[in-house]
Protein backbone atom coordinates (compact mmCIF):
# COMPACT_ATOMS: atom_id res chain seq x y z
CA MET A 1 -0.86 -22.38 -22.32
CA ASP A 2 -0.51 -21.71 -26.04
CA LYS A 3 -2.85 -18.86 -26.97
CA ASN A 4 -2.31 -19.75 -30.64
CA ASN A 5 -3.91 -23.13 -30.02
CA ILE A 6 -7.13 -23.60 -31.99
CA ILE A 7 -9.27 -23.98 -28.85
CA TYR A 8 -8.65 -20.32 -27.94
CA LYS A 9 -9.98 -19.12 -31.30
CA GLU A 10 -13.06 -16.93 -31.30
CA LYS A 11 -16.00 -18.35 -33.29
CA LEU A 12 -14.59 -21.87 -33.10
CA ILE A 13 -16.68 -24.46 -34.91
CA ILE A 14 -16.05 -28.17 -34.39
CA ALA A 15 -18.32 -30.35 -36.52
CA GLY A 16 -18.64 -33.83 -37.91
CA PRO A 17 -20.58 -37.06 -37.57
CA CYS A 18 -21.47 -38.56 -34.24
CA SER A 19 -19.71 -41.73 -35.39
CA ALA A 20 -17.20 -42.50 -38.09
CA GLU A 21 -19.15 -45.18 -39.96
CA SER A 22 -16.89 -45.81 -42.94
CA GLU A 23 -13.97 -44.16 -44.68
CA GLU A 24 -16.23 -43.03 -47.52
CA GLN A 25 -18.80 -41.49 -45.16
CA LEU A 26 -16.17 -39.64 -43.13
CA LEU A 27 -14.28 -38.27 -46.14
CA LYS A 28 -17.50 -37.13 -47.80
CA THR A 29 -18.66 -35.37 -44.65
CA ALA A 30 -15.26 -33.78 -44.11
CA THR A 31 -15.17 -32.48 -47.68
CA GLU A 32 -18.64 -30.94 -47.42
CA LEU A 33 -17.83 -29.38 -44.05
CA LYS A 34 -14.66 -27.85 -45.46
CA THR A 35 -16.70 -26.41 -48.34
CA THR A 36 -18.96 -24.51 -45.92
CA GLY A 37 -16.01 -22.31 -44.98
CA VAL A 38 -17.12 -22.09 -41.33
CA VAL A 39 -15.68 -25.27 -39.80
CA ASP A 40 -12.28 -25.32 -38.05
CA VAL A 41 -12.12 -28.86 -36.69
CA LEU A 42 -13.54 -32.19 -37.87
CA ARG A 43 -14.94 -34.32 -35.06
CA ALA A 44 -15.93 -37.98 -35.25
CA GLY A 45 -16.58 -40.69 -32.70
CA ILE A 46 -14.13 -43.58 -33.11
CA TRP A 47 -15.02 -45.35 -29.89
CA LYS A 48 -18.69 -44.84 -29.02
CA PRO A 49 -19.86 -45.71 -25.50
CA ARG A 50 -23.52 -46.65 -25.91
CA THR A 51 -26.15 -46.57 -23.18
CA ASN A 52 -27.37 -50.03 -24.19
CA PRO A 53 -25.32 -52.91 -25.67
CA GLY A 54 -25.91 -53.98 -29.25
CA GLY A 55 -25.71 -50.55 -30.89
CA PHE A 56 -22.91 -49.39 -33.17
CA GLU A 57 -19.94 -48.61 -30.97
CA GLY A 58 -17.67 -47.04 -33.56
CA PRO A 59 -15.05 -48.52 -35.90
CA GLY A 60 -12.31 -48.57 -33.30
CA THR A 61 -8.68 -47.76 -33.97
CA ARG A 62 -8.91 -48.31 -37.74
CA GLY A 63 -11.21 -45.25 -37.88
CA LEU A 64 -8.29 -43.07 -36.81
CA ALA A 65 -6.67 -43.72 -40.18
CA TRP A 66 -9.84 -42.35 -41.82
CA LEU A 67 -9.66 -39.23 -39.65
CA SER A 68 -6.02 -38.76 -40.54
CA LYS A 69 -6.83 -39.10 -44.24
CA ALA A 70 -9.65 -36.55 -43.88
CA LYS A 71 -7.16 -34.16 -42.26
CA ASP A 72 -4.75 -34.54 -45.19
CA LEU A 73 -7.58 -34.11 -47.70
CA THR A 74 -9.21 -31.00 -46.19
CA GLY A 75 -6.62 -29.35 -43.98
CA LEU A 76 -9.07 -29.41 -41.07
CA LYS A 77 -7.77 -30.28 -37.63
CA ILE A 78 -9.26 -33.47 -36.19
CA ALA A 79 -10.80 -34.40 -32.83
CA THR A 80 -12.15 -37.52 -31.20
CA GLU A 81 -13.28 -38.82 -27.80
CA VAL A 82 -11.02 -40.93 -25.61
CA ALA A 83 -12.07 -42.97 -22.60
CA ASN A 84 -8.91 -44.81 -21.53
CA ASP A 85 -5.13 -44.90 -21.87
CA LYS A 86 -5.20 -47.13 -24.99
CA HIS A 87 -7.48 -44.65 -26.77
CA VAL A 88 -5.04 -41.87 -25.87
CA GLU A 89 -2.05 -43.82 -27.15
CA ASP A 90 -3.75 -44.65 -30.47
CA ALA A 91 -5.13 -41.13 -31.01
CA LEU A 92 -1.73 -39.52 -30.41
CA HIS A 93 -0.10 -42.05 -32.74
CA PHE A 94 -2.39 -40.81 -35.53
CA ASN A 95 -1.68 -37.16 -34.64
CA VAL A 96 -5.22 -36.32 -33.54
CA ASP A 97 -5.16 -32.59 -32.73
CA ILE A 98 -7.83 -32.50 -30.02
CA LEU A 99 -8.91 -35.20 -27.60
CA TRP A 100 -12.10 -34.88 -25.63
CA ILE A 101 -13.22 -36.64 -22.50
CA GLY A 102 -16.89 -37.61 -22.67
CA ALA A 103 -19.58 -37.04 -20.08
CA ARG A 104 -19.68 -40.71 -19.05
CA THR A 105 -15.93 -40.62 -18.44
CA THR A 106 -15.78 -37.28 -16.61
CA VAL A 107 -18.11 -38.72 -14.01
CA ASN A 108 -15.49 -41.36 -13.08
CA PRO A 109 -12.32 -40.02 -11.38
CA PHE A 110 -10.53 -43.36 -11.92
CA SER A 111 -11.04 -43.11 -15.69
CA VAL A 112 -10.01 -39.45 -15.80
CA GLN A 113 -6.84 -40.26 -13.86
CA ASN A 114 -6.10 -43.12 -16.25
CA ILE A 115 -6.32 -40.71 -19.18
CA ALA A 116 -4.28 -38.07 -17.35
CA ASP A 117 -1.50 -40.55 -16.64
CA ALA A 118 -1.43 -41.53 -20.32
CA LEU A 119 -1.13 -37.86 -21.32
CA LYS A 120 1.71 -37.05 -18.92
CA GLY A 121 4.70 -35.58 -20.74
CA THR A 122 2.70 -34.71 -23.87
CA LYS A 123 1.52 -31.36 -25.21
CA ALA A 124 -1.94 -32.67 -25.98
CA THR A 125 -4.98 -30.43 -26.31
CA VAL A 126 -7.90 -31.76 -24.27
CA LEU A 127 -11.55 -30.78 -24.02
CA ILE A 128 -13.56 -31.98 -21.03
CA LYS A 129 -17.30 -32.49 -21.30
CA ASN A 130 -19.36 -31.84 -18.19
CA PRO A 131 -20.27 -34.98 -16.23
CA VAL A 132 -23.61 -36.63 -17.03
CA ASN A 133 -25.09 -35.46 -13.73
CA PRO A 134 -24.97 -31.85 -12.50
CA ASP A 135 -21.93 -32.32 -10.24
CA ILE A 136 -19.59 -29.35 -10.65
CA LYS A 137 -16.94 -30.90 -8.38
CA LEU A 138 -16.38 -33.78 -10.79
CA TRP A 139 -15.89 -31.30 -13.65
CA ILE A 140 -13.40 -29.32 -11.57
CA GLY A 141 -11.64 -32.51 -10.53
CA ALA A 142 -11.10 -33.52 -14.15
CA ILE A 143 -9.42 -30.17 -14.87
CA GLU A 144 -7.17 -30.51 -11.84
CA ARG A 145 -6.11 -34.08 -12.73
CA LEU A 146 -5.02 -32.95 -16.19
CA GLN A 147 -3.27 -29.86 -14.89
CA LYS A 148 -1.31 -31.94 -12.37
CA VAL A 149 0.27 -34.01 -15.16
CA GLY A 150 1.25 -30.85 -17.06
CA ILE A 151 -1.55 -30.53 -19.63
CA GLU A 152 -1.83 -26.80 -20.33
CA ASN A 153 -4.26 -26.51 -23.26
CA ILE A 154 -7.58 -27.47 -21.71
CA GLY A 155 -11.08 -26.50 -22.80
CA LEU A 156 -14.56 -27.31 -21.51
CA ILE A 157 -17.59 -28.59 -23.38
CA HIS A 158 -21.06 -27.89 -22.00
CA ARG A 159 -23.33 -30.67 -23.28
CA GLY A 160 -26.13 -30.49 -20.72
CA PHE A 161 -27.05 -32.71 -17.78
CA SER A 162 -29.33 -35.69 -17.33
CA SER A 163 -32.38 -34.88 -15.25
CA TYR A 164 -35.32 -37.06 -14.32
CA GLY A 165 -38.57 -36.01 -15.93
CA ASN A 166 -36.89 -33.60 -18.36
CA THR A 167 -38.86 -33.39 -21.60
CA GLN A 168 -37.81 -30.17 -23.32
CA TYR A 169 -34.20 -31.20 -23.85
CA ARG A 170 -32.33 -34.47 -24.13
CA ASN A 171 -29.97 -33.04 -21.53
CA ALA A 172 -31.05 -29.99 -19.53
CA PRO A 173 -28.60 -27.10 -20.04
CA ILE A 174 -28.66 -25.92 -16.39
CA TRP A 175 -26.75 -22.81 -17.47
CA GLN A 176 -25.72 -21.79 -13.96
CA ILE A 177 -23.19 -24.63 -13.75
CA PRO A 178 -21.11 -23.72 -16.83
CA ILE A 179 -21.44 -20.05 -15.86
CA GLU A 180 -19.90 -20.90 -12.49
CA MET A 181 -17.14 -22.87 -14.25
CA LYS A 182 -16.39 -19.80 -16.39
CA ARG A 183 -16.12 -17.75 -13.21
CA LEU A 184 -13.76 -20.23 -11.57
CA PHE A 185 -11.63 -20.79 -14.68
CA PRO A 186 -11.84 -17.60 -16.76
CA GLU A 187 -8.81 -18.57 -18.88
CA ILE A 188 -10.27 -21.92 -19.94
CA PRO A 189 -12.45 -21.65 -23.06
CA MET A 190 -16.04 -22.90 -22.88
CA ILE A 191 -17.62 -24.54 -25.93
CA CYS A 192 -21.29 -25.46 -26.24
CA ASP A 193 -22.55 -28.80 -27.56
CA PRO A 194 -26.12 -27.95 -28.63
CA SER A 195 -26.52 -31.33 -30.33
CA HIS A 196 -26.43 -33.23 -27.04
CA ILE A 197 -28.38 -30.60 -25.13
CA CYS A 198 -31.22 -30.62 -27.65
CA GLY A 199 -31.25 -34.22 -28.83
CA ASN A 200 -32.98 -32.91 -31.95
CA ARG A 201 -32.39 -30.53 -34.85
CA THR A 202 -35.17 -28.12 -33.96
CA ASN A 203 -33.62 -26.14 -31.12
CA LEU A 204 -29.98 -26.06 -32.22
CA GLN A 205 -30.08 -22.41 -33.29
CA GLU A 206 -31.72 -21.27 -30.05
CA ILE A 207 -29.30 -23.09 -27.75
CA SER A 208 -26.31 -22.04 -29.84
CA GLN A 209 -27.31 -18.38 -29.62
CA ILE A 210 -27.86 -18.53 -25.86
CA SER A 211 -24.36 -19.93 -25.42
CA LEU A 212 -22.84 -17.21 -27.58
CA ASP A 213 -24.72 -14.58 -25.58
CA LEU A 214 -23.01 -16.05 -22.51
CA ALA A 215 -19.59 -15.51 -24.14
CA TYR A 216 -18.85 -19.11 -25.08
CA ARG A 217 -16.00 -19.28 -27.60
CA GLY A 218 -17.60 -21.72 -30.00
CA LEU A 219 -19.74 -24.74 -30.78
CA ILE A 220 -19.33 -28.46 -31.32
CA ILE A 221 -22.14 -29.71 -33.54
CA GLU A 222 -22.86 -33.14 -35.00
CA SER A 223 -23.06 -33.05 -38.79
CA HIS A 224 -23.65 -35.88 -41.27
CA THR A 225 -24.16 -35.86 -45.03
CA ASN A 226 -27.30 -37.98 -44.58
CA PRO A 227 -28.51 -37.58 -40.99
CA ASP A 228 -31.62 -39.73 -41.39
CA GLU A 229 -29.41 -42.70 -42.21
CA ALA A 230 -26.82 -42.09 -39.47
CA TRP A 231 -25.96 -45.12 -37.36
CA THR A 232 -25.97 -43.18 -34.08
CA ASP A 233 -27.89 -40.14 -32.79
CA LYS A 234 -29.53 -39.48 -36.16
CA ASP A 235 -32.19 -37.16 -34.70
CA GLN A 236 -29.68 -34.53 -33.59
CA GLN A 237 -27.37 -34.46 -36.62
CA ILE A 238 -27.61 -31.92 -39.43
CA THR A 239 -26.15 -31.64 -42.91
CA PRO A 240 -23.14 -29.38 -43.54
CA ASN A 241 -25.37 -26.97 -45.48
CA VAL A 242 -27.82 -26.66 -42.57
CA LEU A 243 -24.83 -26.09 -40.29
CA LYS A 244 -23.71 -23.22 -42.50
CA ASP A 245 -27.23 -21.72 -42.45
CA ILE A 246 -27.30 -21.87 -38.65
CA TYR A 247 -23.85 -20.29 -38.45
CA ASN A 248 -24.83 -17.43 -40.73
CA GLN A 249 -27.88 -16.63 -38.58
CA LEU A 250 -25.97 -16.57 -35.31
CA ILE A 251 -25.08 -13.24 -33.74
CA TRP A 252 -21.52 -13.31 -32.47
CA LYS A 253 -20.98 -10.64 -29.85
CA SER A 254 -17.76 -9.31 -28.41
CA SER A 255 -17.17 -9.75 -24.70
CA SER A 256 -16.30 -6.06 -24.31
CA THR A 257 -15.81 -2.78 -26.11
CA ASN A 258 -13.71 0.32 -25.54
CA GLN A 259 -16.40 2.79 -26.62
CA SER A 260 -16.52 5.46 -23.91
CA GLY A 261 -20.31 5.94 -23.99
CA TYR A 262 -20.91 2.23 -23.49
CA LEU A 263 -18.38 1.96 -20.67
CA GLN A 264 -19.81 4.97 -18.80
CA GLU A 265 -23.40 3.74 -19.05
CA LEU A 266 -22.38 0.20 -18.10
CA ALA A 267 -20.52 1.48 -15.03
CA ALA A 268 -23.57 3.46 -13.91
CA LEU A 269 -25.91 0.50 -14.37
CA ARG A 270 -23.54 -1.83 -12.54
CA GLU A 271 -23.40 0.60 -9.63
CA GLN A 272 -27.21 0.43 -9.50
CA ILE A 273 -26.94 -3.36 -9.33
CA ASN A 274 -24.42 -3.06 -6.48
CA LEU A 275 -26.78 -0.81 -4.52
CA TYR A 276 -29.73 -3.17 -5.05
CA ASP A 277 -27.58 -6.13 -3.99
CA ASP A 278 -26.58 -4.30 -0.80
CA ASP A 279 -30.26 -3.63 -0.06
CA LEU A 280 -31.17 -7.25 -0.76
CA LEU A 281 -28.54 -8.55 1.64
CA ARG A 282 -29.76 -6.21 4.39
CA LEU A 283 -33.34 -7.37 3.85
CA ILE A 284 -32.33 -11.03 3.82
CA SER A 285 -30.37 -10.53 7.03
CA SER A 286 -33.46 -8.98 8.64
CA ARG A 287 -35.60 -11.88 7.39
CA MET A 288 -33.21 -14.42 8.93
CA LYS A 289 -33.32 -12.61 12.26
CA VAL A 290 -37.09 -13.16 12.22
CA SER A 291 -36.47 -16.84 11.41
CA GLU A 292 -34.21 -16.99 14.44
CA LYS A 293 -37.01 -15.65 16.65
CA ILE A 294 -39.40 -18.20 15.14
CA GLY A 295 -36.86 -20.93 15.87
CA LYS A 296 -36.68 -19.91 19.53
CA LEU A 297 -40.49 -19.81 19.77
CA LYS A 298 -40.79 -23.31 18.26
CA ARG A 299 -38.07 -24.63 20.54
CA ASP A 300 -39.69 -23.24 23.67
CA ASN A 301 -43.05 -24.74 22.68
CA ALA A 302 -41.69 -28.11 21.49
CA VAL A 303 -42.88 -27.57 17.90
CA THR A 304 -41.11 -29.10 14.88
CA VAL A 305 -38.91 -26.84 12.78
CA LEU A 306 -40.34 -27.90 9.43
CA GLN A 307 -43.92 -26.82 8.78
CA SER A 308 -44.74 -28.11 5.29
CA SER A 309 -48.12 -26.44 5.00
CA ARG A 310 -46.62 -23.05 5.86
CA TRP A 311 -43.82 -23.55 3.32
CA ASN A 312 -46.32 -24.45 0.58
CA GLU A 313 -48.35 -21.37 1.47
CA ILE A 314 -45.29 -19.10 1.24
CA LEU A 315 -44.15 -20.59 -2.06
CA GLU A 316 -47.55 -20.33 -3.71
CA ARG A 317 -47.97 -16.73 -2.59
CA MET A 318 -44.53 -15.77 -3.88
CA LEU A 319 -45.08 -17.50 -7.21
CA GLN A 320 -48.24 -15.45 -7.71
CA LYS A 321 -46.48 -12.23 -6.76
CA GLY A 322 -43.48 -13.07 -8.92
CA GLU A 323 -45.65 -13.65 -11.96
CA LYS A 324 -47.15 -10.19 -11.60
CA LEU A 325 -43.64 -8.76 -11.45
CA ASP A 326 -42.50 -10.60 -14.60
CA LEU A 327 -40.24 -12.96 -12.66
CA SER A 328 -40.08 -16.56 -13.86
CA ASN A 329 -41.42 -19.41 -11.75
CA ASP A 330 -38.07 -21.19 -11.96
CA PHE A 331 -36.30 -18.16 -10.50
CA ILE A 332 -38.85 -17.68 -7.71
CA LYS A 333 -38.67 -21.38 -6.78
CA ALA A 334 -34.86 -21.37 -6.70
CA TYR A 335 -34.74 -18.11 -4.72
CA MET A 336 -37.37 -19.15 -2.18
CA GLU A 337 -35.92 -22.64 -1.77
CA ALA A 338 -32.52 -21.11 -0.97
CA LEU A 339 -34.12 -18.85 1.63
CA HIS A 340 -36.08 -21.76 3.07
CA VAL A 341 -33.00 -23.97 3.41
CA GLU A 342 -31.11 -21.21 5.22
CA SER A 343 -34.11 -20.50 7.47
CA ILE A 344 -34.36 -24.20 8.40
CA ARG A 345 -30.62 -24.25 9.12
CA ILE A 346 -30.93 -21.30 11.49
CA GLN A 347 -33.92 -22.78 13.29
CA GLU A 348 -32.19 -26.17 13.63
CA LEU A 349 -29.16 -24.40 15.11
CA ILE A 350 -31.40 -22.68 17.68
CA LYS A 351 -32.82 -26.09 18.56
CA GLU A 352 -29.32 -27.59 19.04
CA LEU A 353 -28.31 -24.73 21.30
CA SER A 354 -31.18 -25.36 23.71
């Protein structure tokens, strides 16, 4: 692991067009991004996997020459997405500084292994986007495949997850998954991709700030000199000047401080949290003992474990109580569903032991 590698930089900004459309477009965008003074890495899609056939799928390998020229012109490092061994070979030939594995590729272990095998013996820097669906094991598996072939400089990109019925975001952030990844791999930098989470320009600032508040190291944002005329994902791209405005409004916070007053107060508050957590576990244990008694009663009277009407009654009551206590509906639902699943498990176990 090379701590001097660009992906370990604080306040890392990777920006550029969704797709490299022409040499002129890419060089113009790169020049304007360099002028902002806030961009570290130029990104551009060379090979673009599209959901439906017929759309622009990138310029292919010839676009790598444009990226290389943009690097020489601006001094910015360059990054692009790879989806197979040929992409890797071509990108390394043109000295691309950062390769990233896209969400559609992360979801396929065969494809990730193909890329890993192509990277074996190199000192490549690789970013891994989360899989399209909220499957943390696939994300972990991609890291492990790269590590097994000796890739040391690995970063993660949180770009949100597909979810049926989602309307607020193009890809729901589901923050708990990247937070868990940060817990499991504290040395691997996490970067947020607000462009793909939002799918629009409106919420970029909000999502970017949330990620920074969660100690992400940086952002990867799609930027185009003329977003309305972009050939791919035009609704979520912004001009370099808008990117600079967003950057200047962001609040970058340190992950820690050595100020004694802060540390003492934080320690006291965390001890309060520990005490509350201990109390919660004792209460939950007591609740599950009651569930065990209910399971025995249902077993002895040949009654089904699942009682949907009772569950709906509990959930509705708790949602009402939670609202009065300033607790969000999403939290109450997740909390109660976890309790319900464990209660059902206990009652099913009682049934099996009969």
